[in-house]
Every structure is written in C-alpha cells, then in structure tokens.
Amino acid sequence: AYYGKTFIGYVELIADLSKKYPNNTIIVRPHPGES
C-alpha cells in the first residue's frame, strides 16, 4: 500500500512537472522490475 500511494504521488508529480516546465523534457525511467 505504501508503494501504491507513493506511485500515485509520483504520477501526479510528473504531470505537474510537465505543466510547470513546458520547455524542459521530463524523462521517466522506471525500475526494470516495474511495468
């Protein structure tokens, strides 16, 4: 559950970063054990 809640928090953060910094690329690099 902890990692589930944190996962959701990071998805929200990435979306906010994309909007806040439109001139920067946001690179998301998942762990190989992730989908």
All heavy atoms as atom14 arrays in JSON, in Angstrom:
{
  "sequence": "AYYGKTFIGYVELIADLSKKYPNNTIIVRPHPGES",
  "atom14_mask": [
    [1, 1, 1, 1, 1, 0, 0, 0, 0, 0, 0, 0, 0, 0],
    [1, 1, 1, 1, 1, 1, 1, 1, 1, 1, 1, 1, 0, 0],
    [1, 1, 1, 1, 1, 1, 1, 1, 1, 1, 1, 1, 0, 0],
    [1, 1, 1, 1, 0, 0, 0, 0, 0, 0, 0, 0, 0, 0],
    [1, 1, 1, 1, 1, 1, 1, 1, 1, 0, 0, 0, 0, 0],
    [1, 1, 1, 1, 1, 1, 1, 0, 0, 0, 0, 0, 0, 0],
    [1, 1, 1, 1, 1, 1, 1, 1, 1, 1, 1, 0, 0, 0],
    [1, 1, 1, 1, 1, 1, 1, 1, 0, 0, 0, 0, 0, 0],
    [1, 1, 1, 1, 0, 0, 0, 0, 0, 0, 0, 0, 0, 0],
    [1, 1, 1, 1, 1, 1, 1, 1, 1, 1, 1, 1, 0, 0],
    [1, 1, 1, 1, 1, 1, 1, 0, 0, 0, 0, 0, 0, 0],
    [1, 1, 1, 1, 1, 1, 1, 1, 1, 0, 0, 0, 0, 0],
    [1, 1, 1, 1, 1, 1, 1, 1, 0, 0, 0, 0, 0, 0],
    [1, 1, 1, 1, 1, 1, 1, 1, 0, 0, 0, 0, 0, 0],
    [1, 1, 1, 1, 1, 0, 0, 0, 0, 0, 0, 0, 0, 0],
    [1, 1, 1, 1, 1, 1, 1, 1, 0, 0, 0, 0, 0, 0],
    [1, 1, 1, 1, 1, 1, 1, 1, 0, 0, 0, 0, 0, 0],
    [1, 1, 1, 1, 1, 1, 0, 0, 0, 0, 0, 0, 0, 0],
    [1, 1, 1, 1, 1, 1, 1, 1, 1, 0, 0, 0, 0, 0],
    [1, 1, 1, 1, 1, 1, 1, 1, 1, 0, 0, 0, 0, 0],
    [1, 1, 1, 1, 1, 1, 1, 1, 1, 1, 1, 1, 0, 0],
    [1, 1, 1, 1, 1, 1, 1, 0, 0, 0, 0, 0, 0, 0],
    [1, 1, 1, 1, 1, 1, 1, 1, 0, 0, 0, 0, 0, 0],
    [1, 1, 1, 1, 1, 1, 1, 1, 0, 0, 0, 0, 0, 0],
    [1, 1, 1, 1, 1, 1, 1, 0, 0, 0, 0, 0, 0, 0],
    [1, 1, 1, 1, 1, 1, 1, 1, 0, 0, 0, 0, 0, 0],
    [1, 1, 1, 1, 1, 1, 1, 1, 0, 0, 0, 0, 0, 0],
    [1, 1, 1, 1, 1, 1, 1, 0, 0, 0, 0, 0, 0, 0],
    [1, 1, 1, 1, 1, 1, 1, 1, 1, 1, 1, 0, 0, 0],
    [1, 1, 1, 1, 1, 1, 1, 0, 0, 0, 0, 0, 0, 0],
    [1, 1, 1, 1, 1, 1, 1, 1, 1, 1, 0, 0, 0, 0],
    [1, 1, 1, 1, 1, 1, 1, 0, 0, 0, 0, 0, 0, 0],
    [1, 1, 1, 1, 0, 0, 0, 0, 0, 0, 0, 0, 0, 0],
    [1, 1, 1, 1, 1, 1, 1, 1, 1, 0, 0, 0, 0, 0],
    [1, 1, 1, 1, 1, 1, 0, 0, 0, 0, 0, 0, 0, 0]
  ],
  "atom14_positions": [
    [[0.83, -1.21, 0.0], [0.0, 0.0, 0.0], [0.86, 1.26, 0.0], [0.55, 2.25, -0.69], [-0.92, 0.0, 1.21], [0.0, 0.0, 0.0], [0.0, 0.0, 0.0], [0.0, 0.0, 0.0], [0.0, 0.0, 0.0], [0.0, 0.0, 0.0], [0.0, 0.0, 0.0], [0.0, 0.0, 0.0], [0.0, 0.0, 0.0], [0.0, 0.0, 0.0]],
    [[1.96, 1.24, 0.76], [2.85, 2.41, 0.8], [3.37, 2.74, -0.6], [3.32, 3.88, -1.04], [4.02, 2.16, 1.75], [5.12, 3.19, 1.61], [5.02, 4.43, 2.22], [6.25, 2.93, 0.83], [6.0, 5.4, 2.07], [7.24, 3.89, 0.66], [7.11, 5.12, 1.29], [8.08, 6.08, 1.13], [0.0, 0.0, 0.0], [0.0, 0.0, 0.0]],
    [[3.86, 1.71, -1.28], [4.41, 1.97, -2.62], [3.31, 2.31, -3.62], [3.55, 3.04, -4.58], [5.23, 0.76, -3.09], [6.59, 0.72, -2.44], [6.91, -0.27, -1.5], [7.54, 1.68, -2.7], [8.15, -0.29, -0.88], [8.78, 1.67, -2.09], [9.08, 0.68, -1.17], [10.3, 0.68, -0.55], [0.0, 0.0, 0.0], [0.0, 0.0, 0.0]],
    [[2.09, 1.8, -3.38], [0.97, 2.18, -4.23], [0.63, 3.66, -4.1], [0.45, 4.36, -5.1], [0.0, 0.0, 0.0], [0.0, 0.0, 0.0], [0.0, 0.0, 0.0], [0.0, 0.0, 0.0], [0.0, 0.0, 0.0], [0.0, 0.0, 0.0], [0.0, 0.0, 0.0], [0.0, 0.0, 0.0], [0.0, 0.0, 0.0], [0.0, 0.0, 0.0]],
    [[0.57, 4.15, -2.87], [0.28, 5.56, -2.63], [1.41, 6.44, -3.17], [1.16, 7.51, -3.74], [0.07, 5.81, -1.14], [-1.17, 5.12, -0.58], [-1.23, 5.26, 0.94], [-2.42, 4.5, 1.52], [-2.44, 4.55, 2.99], [0.0, 0.0, 0.0], [0.0, 0.0, 0.0], [0.0, 0.0, 0.0], [0.0, 0.0, 0.0], [0.0, 0.0, 0.0]],
    [[2.64, 6.0, -2.98], [3.78, 6.77, -3.47], [3.8, 6.79, -5.0], [4.1, 7.82, -5.62], [5.1, 6.19, -2.93], [5.02, 6.08, -1.51], [6.28, 7.09, -3.28], [0.0, 0.0, 0.0], [0.0, 0.0, 0.0], [0.0, 0.0, 0.0], [0.0, 0.0, 0.0], [0.0, 0.0, 0.0], [0.0, 0.0, 0.0], [0.0, 0.0, 0.0]],
    [[3.47, 5.66, -5.6], [3.37, 5.58, -7.06], [2.38, 6.62, -7.59], [2.67, 7.36, -8.54], [2.94, 4.17, -7.47], [2.48, 4.03, -8.89], [3.39, 3.92, -9.92], [1.12, 4.03, -9.2], [2.97, 3.8, -11.24], [0.7, 3.91, -10.5], [1.62, 3.8, -11.53], [0.0, 0.0, 0.0], [0.0, 0.0, 0.0], [0.0, 0.0, 0.0]],
    [[1.22, 6.7, -6.96], [0.2, 7.68, -7.38], [0.73, 9.1, -7.21], [0.55, 9.96, -8.08], [-1.09, 7.48, -6.57], [-1.74, 6.14, -6.94], [-2.07, 8.62, -6.82], [-2.87, 5.72, -6.03], [0.0, 0.0, 0.0], [0.0, 0.0, 0.0], [0.0, 0.0, 0.0], [0.0, 0.0, 0.0], [0.0, 0.0, 0.0], [0.0, 0.0, 0.0]],
    [[1.43, 9.34, -6.09], [2.02, 10.66, -5.86], [3.01, 11.05, -6.93], [3.08, 12.21, -7.35], [0.0, 0.0, 0.0], [0.0, 0.0, 0.0], [0.0, 0.0, 0.0], [0.0, 0.0, 0.0], [0.0, 0.0, 0.0], [0.0, 0.0, 0.0], [0.0, 0.0, 0.0], [0.0, 0.0, 0.0], [0.0, 0.0, 0.0], [0.0, 0.0, 0.0]],
    [[3.78, 10.08, -7.41], [4.77, 10.37, -8.45], [4.12, 10.6, -9.81], [4.57, 11.44, -10.59], [5.8, 9.23, -8.53], [7.04, 9.56, -7.72], [7.0, 9.54, -6.34], [8.22, 9.95, -8.33], [8.11, 9.87, -5.58], [9.34, 10.27, -7.6], [9.28, 10.24, -6.22], [10.38, 10.59, -5.47], [0.0, 0.0, 0.0], [0.0, 0.0, 0.0]],
    [[3.07, 9.86, -10.11], [2.34, 10.1, -11.36], [1.79, 11.53, -11.37], [1.88, 12.24, -12.38], [1.21, 9.07, -11.52], [0.27, 9.47, -12.66], [1.78, 7.68, -11.78], [0.0, 0.0, 0.0], [0.0, 0.0, 0.0], [0.0, 0.0, 0.0], [0.0, 0.0, 0.0], [0.0, 0.0, 0.0], [0.0, 0.0, 0.0], [0.0, 0.0, 0.0]],
    [[1.24, 11.97, -10.24], [0.73, 13.33, -10.13], [1.85, 14.36, -10.26], [1.71, 15.38, -10.93], [-0.01, 13.51, -8.8], [-1.29, 12.68, -8.7], [-1.91, 12.72, -7.32], [-1.19, 13.02, -6.34], [-3.12, 12.45, -7.21], [0.0, 0.0, 0.0], [0.0, 0.0, 0.0], [0.0, 0.0, 0.0], [0.0, 0.0, 0.0], [0.0, 0.0, 0.0]],
    [[3.0, 14.06, -9.63], [4.14, 14.98, -9.7], [4.64, 15.13, -11.14], [4.93, 16.25, -11.59], [5.29, 14.46, -8.82], [6.62, 15.2, -8.96], [6.5, 16.62, -8.43], [7.75, 14.45, -8.26], [0.0, 0.0, 0.0], [0.0, 0.0, 0.0], [0.0, 0.0, 0.0], [0.0, 0.0, 0.0], [0.0, 0.0, 0.0], [0.0, 0.0, 0.0]],
    [[4.76, 14.03, -11.86], [5.25, 14.09, -13.25], [4.32, 14.95, -14.1], [4.78, 15.76, -14.92], [5.38, 12.66, -13.82], [6.5, 11.9, -13.09], [5.68, 12.71, -15.32], [6.45, 10.39, -13.28], [0.0, 0.0, 0.0], [0.0, 0.0, 0.0], [0.0, 0.0, 0.0], [0.0, 0.0, 0.0], [0.0, 0.0, 0.0], [0.0, 0.0, 0.0]],
    [[3.02, 14.78, -13.9], [2.05, 15.61, -14.65], [2.23, 17.09, -14.31], [2.21, 17.95, -15.2], [0.63, 15.16, -14.33], [0.0, 0.0, 0.0], [0.0, 0.0, 0.0], [0.0, 0.0, 0.0], [0.0, 0.0, 0.0], [0.0, 0.0, 0.0], [0.0, 0.0, 0.0], [0.0, 0.0, 0.0], [0.0, 0.0, 0.0], [0.0, 0.0, 0.0]],
    [[2.44, 17.39, -13.02], [2.64, 18.78, -12.6], [3.95, 19.36, -13.13], [4.02, 20.53, -13.52], [2.61, 18.88, -11.07], [1.22, 18.62, -10.49], [0.24, 18.78, -11.23], [1.13, 18.24, -9.3], [0.0, 0.0, 0.0], [0.0, 0.0, 0.0], [0.0, 0.0, 0.0], [0.0, 0.0, 0.0], [0.0, 0.0, 0.0], [0.0, 0.0, 0.0]],
    [[5.0, 18.53, -13.17], [6.28, 18.98, -13.71], [6.15, 19.31, -15.2], [6.72, 20.28, -15.69], [7.35, 17.89, -13.52], [7.89, 17.69, -12.1], [8.7, 16.39, -12.03], [8.75, 18.87, -11.66], [0.0, 0.0, 0.0], [0.0, 0.0, 0.0], [0.0, 0.0, 0.0], [0.0, 0.0, 0.0], [0.0, 0.0, 0.0], [0.0, 0.0, 0.0]],
    [[5.4, 18.47, -15.91], [5.2, 18.69, -17.34], [4.55, 20.05, -17.61], [4.93, 20.76, -18.53], [4.33, 17.56, -17.91], [3.98, 17.82, -19.25], [0.0, 0.0, 0.0], [0.0, 0.0, 0.0], [0.0, 0.0, 0.0], [0.0, 0.0, 0.0], [0.0, 0.0, 0.0], [0.0, 0.0, 0.0], [0.0, 0.0, 0.0], [0.0, 0.0, 0.0]],
    [[3.58, 20.41, -16.77], [2.89, 21.68, -16.93], [3.75, 22.85, -16.48], [3.79, 23.9, -17.14], [1.58, 21.65, -16.14], [0.75, 22.92, -16.27], [-0.53, 22.81, -15.48], [-1.37, 24.08, -15.58], [-2.62, 23.98, -14.79], [0.0, 0.0, 0.0], [0.0, 0.0, 0.0], [0.0, 0.0, 0.0], [0.0, 0.0, 0.0], [0.0, 0.0, 0.0]],
    [[4.46, 22.68, -15.36], [5.26, 23.76, -14.78], [6.47, 24.1, -15.65], [6.89, 25.26, -15.74], [5.71, 23.35, -13.38], [6.55, 24.38, -12.63], [5.72, 25.52, -12.12], [6.54, 26.43, -11.22], [5.75, 27.58, -10.69], [0.0, 0.0, 0.0], [0.0, 0.0, 0.0], [0.0, 0.0, 0.0], [0.0, 0.0, 0.0], [0.0, 0.0, 0.0]],
    [[7.08, 23.09, -16.28], [8.31, 23.29, -17.06], [8.1, 22.81, -18.49], [8.68, 21.79, -18.91], [9.47, 22.55, -16.4], [9.71, 22.98, -14.98], [9.25, 22.2, -13.91], [10.37, 24.17, -14.67], [9.45, 22.59, -12.6], [10.57, 24.57, -13.36], [10.1, 23.78, -12.33], [10.29, 24.18, -11.02], [0.0, 0.0, 0.0], [0.0, 0.0, 0.0]],
    [[7.29, 23.52, -19.27], [6.96, 23.08, -20.63], [8.16, 23.08, -21.57], [8.13, 22.39, -22.6], [5.91, 24.1, -21.09], [6.18, 25.32, -20.25], [6.63, 24.8, -18.92], [0.0, 0.0, 0.0], [0.0, 0.0, 0.0], [0.0, 0.0, 0.0], [0.0, 0.0, 0.0], [0.0, 0.0, 0.0], [0.0, 0.0, 0.0], [0.0, 0.0, 0.0]],
    [[9.21, 23.84, -21.23], [10.38, 23.92, -22.1], [11.46, 22.89, -21.74], [12.51, 22.84, -22.38], [10.98, 25.32, -22.07], [10.03, 26.37, -22.63], [9.32, 26.09, -23.6], [9.99, 27.54, -22.02], [0.0, 0.0, 0.0], [0.0, 0.0, 0.0], [0.0, 0.0, 0.0], [0.0, 0.0, 0.0], [0.0, 0.0, 0.0], [0.0, 0.0, 0.0]],
    [[11.2, 22.13, -20.69], [12.11, 21.04, -20.3], [11.47, 19.7, -20.62], [10.24, 19.55, -20.57], [12.42, 21.08, -18.8], [13.34, 22.22, -18.41], [13.03, 22.98, -17.5], [14.46, 22.36, -19.09], [0.0, 0.0, 0.0], [0.0, 0.0, 0.0], [0.0, 0.0, 0.0], [0.0, 0.0, 0.0], [0.0, 0.0, 0.0], [0.0, 0.0, 0.0]],
    [[12.29, 18.72, -20.94], [11.79, 17.35, -21.08], [11.79, 16.7, -19.7], [12.74, 16.87, -18.93], [12.67, 16.54, -22.04], [12.72, 17.21, -23.3], [12.1, 15.14, -22.24], [0.0, 0.0, 0.0], [0.0, 0.0, 0.0], [0.0, 0.0, 0.0], [0.0, 0.0, 0.0], [0.0, 0.0, 0.0], [0.0, 0.0, 0.0], [0.0, 0.0, 0.0]],
    [[10.75, 15.97, -19.4], [10.69, 15.18, -18.17], [10.94, 13.73, -18.58], [10.12, 13.11, -19.25], [9.32, 15.31, -17.46], [8.88, 16.77, -17.37], [9.38, 14.63, -16.1], [9.84, 17.67, -16.63], [0.0, 0.0, 0.0], [0.0, 0.0, 0.0], [0.0, 0.0, 0.0], [0.0, 0.0, 0.0], [0.0, 0.0, 0.0], [0.0, 0.0, 0.0]],
    [[12.09, 13.21, -18.19], [12.44, 11.83, -18.5], [12.03, 10.95, -17.33], [12.46, 11.15, -16.2], [13.96, 11.66, -18.75], [14.42, 12.53, -19.92], [14.31, 10.19, -18.97], [13.91, 12.07, -21.27], [0.0, 0.0, 0.0], [0.0, 0.0, 0.0], [0.0, 0.0, 0.0], [0.0, 0.0, 0.0], [0.0, 0.0, 0.0], [0.0, 0.0, 0.0]],
    [[11.19, 9.96, -17.6], [10.77, 9.0, -16.58], [11.48, 7.68, -16.86], [11.35, 7.11, -17.95], [9.25, 8.79, -16.61], [8.82, 7.8, -15.52], [8.52, 10.11, -16.45], [0.0, 0.0, 0.0], [0.0, 0.0, 0.0], [0.0, 0.0, 0.0], [0.0, 0.0, 0.0], [0.0, 0.0, 0.0], [0.0, 0.0, 0.0], [0.0, 0.0, 0.0]],
    [[12.25, 7.22, -15.88], [12.99, 5.97, -16.05], [12.54, 4.98, -14.97], [12.97, 5.05, -13.82], [14.5, 6.2, -15.96], [15.31, 4.94, -16.29], [16.8, 5.2, -16.22], [17.54, 3.96, -16.33], [18.07, 3.48, -17.45], [17.94, 4.16, -18.56], [18.75, 2.35, -17.45], [0.0, 0.0, 0.0], [0.0, 0.0, 0.0], [0.0, 0.0, 0.0]],
    [[11.65, 4.03, -15.3], [11.17, 3.07, -14.32], [12.23, 2.02, -13.99], [13.11, 1.72, -14.8], [9.97, 2.41, -15.01], [9.67, 3.25, -16.22], [10.97, 3.89, -16.6], [0.0, 0.0, 0.0], [0.0, 0.0, 0.0], [0.0, 0.0, 0.0], [0.0, 0.0, 0.0], [0.0, 0.0, 0.0], [0.0, 0.0, 0.0], [0.0, 0.0, 0.0]],
    [[12.12, 1.46, -12.8], [12.95, 0.33, -12.4], [12.63, -0.85, -13.33], [11.49, -1.01, -13.76], [12.65, -0.04, -10.94], [13.56, -1.08, -10.38], [13.33, -2.43, -10.57], [14.68, -0.98, -9.63], [14.29, -3.12, -9.95], [15.12, -2.27, -9.39], [0.0, 0.0, 0.0], [0.0, 0.0, 0.0], [0.0, 0.0, 0.0], [0.0, 0.0, 0.0]],
    [[13.63, -1.7, -13.67], [13.35, -2.83, -14.57], [12.3, -3.8, -14.05], [11.69, -4.53, -14.83], [14.73, -3.51, -14.72], [15.57, -2.97, -13.62], [15.07, -1.6, -13.34], [0.0, 0.0, 0.0], [0.0, 0.0, 0.0], [0.0, 0.0, 0.0], [0.0, 0.0, 0.0], [0.0, 0.0, 0.0], [0.0, 0.0, 0.0], [0.0, 0.0, 0.0]],
    [[12.06, -3.79, -12.72], [11.03, -4.65, -12.15], [9.63, -4.08, -12.26], [8.66, -4.71, -11.86], [0.0, 0.0, 0.0], [0.0, 0.0, 0.0], [0.0, 0.0, 0.0], [0.0, 0.0, 0.0], [0.0, 0.0, 0.0], [0.0, 0.0, 0.0], [0.0, 0.0, 0.0], [0.0, 0.0, 0.0], [0.0, 0.0, 0.0], [0.0, 0.0, 0.0]],
    [[9.54, -2.86, -12.8], [8.24, -2.21, -12.95], [7.68, -2.39, -14.36], [8.44, -2.55, -15.33], [8.37, -0.71, -12.69], [8.39, -0.28, -11.26], [8.22, 1.22, -11.14], [7.06, 1.69, -11.19], [9.24, 1.92, -11.03], [0.0, 0.0, 0.0], [0.0, 0.0, 0.0], [0.0, 0.0, 0.0], [0.0, 0.0, 0.0], [0.0, 0.0, 0.0]],
    [[6.34, -2.27, -14.46], [5.69, -2.2, -15.76], [5.77, -0.76, -16.26], [5.31, 0.16, -15.58], [4.23, -2.63, -15.65], [3.54, -2.37, -16.84], [0.0, 0.0, 0.0], [0.0, 0.0, 0.0], [0.0, 0.0, 0.0], [0.0, 0.0, 0.0], [0.0, 0.0, 0.0], [0.0, 0.0, 0.0], [0.0, 0.0, 0.0], [0.0, 0.0, 0.0]]
  ]
}
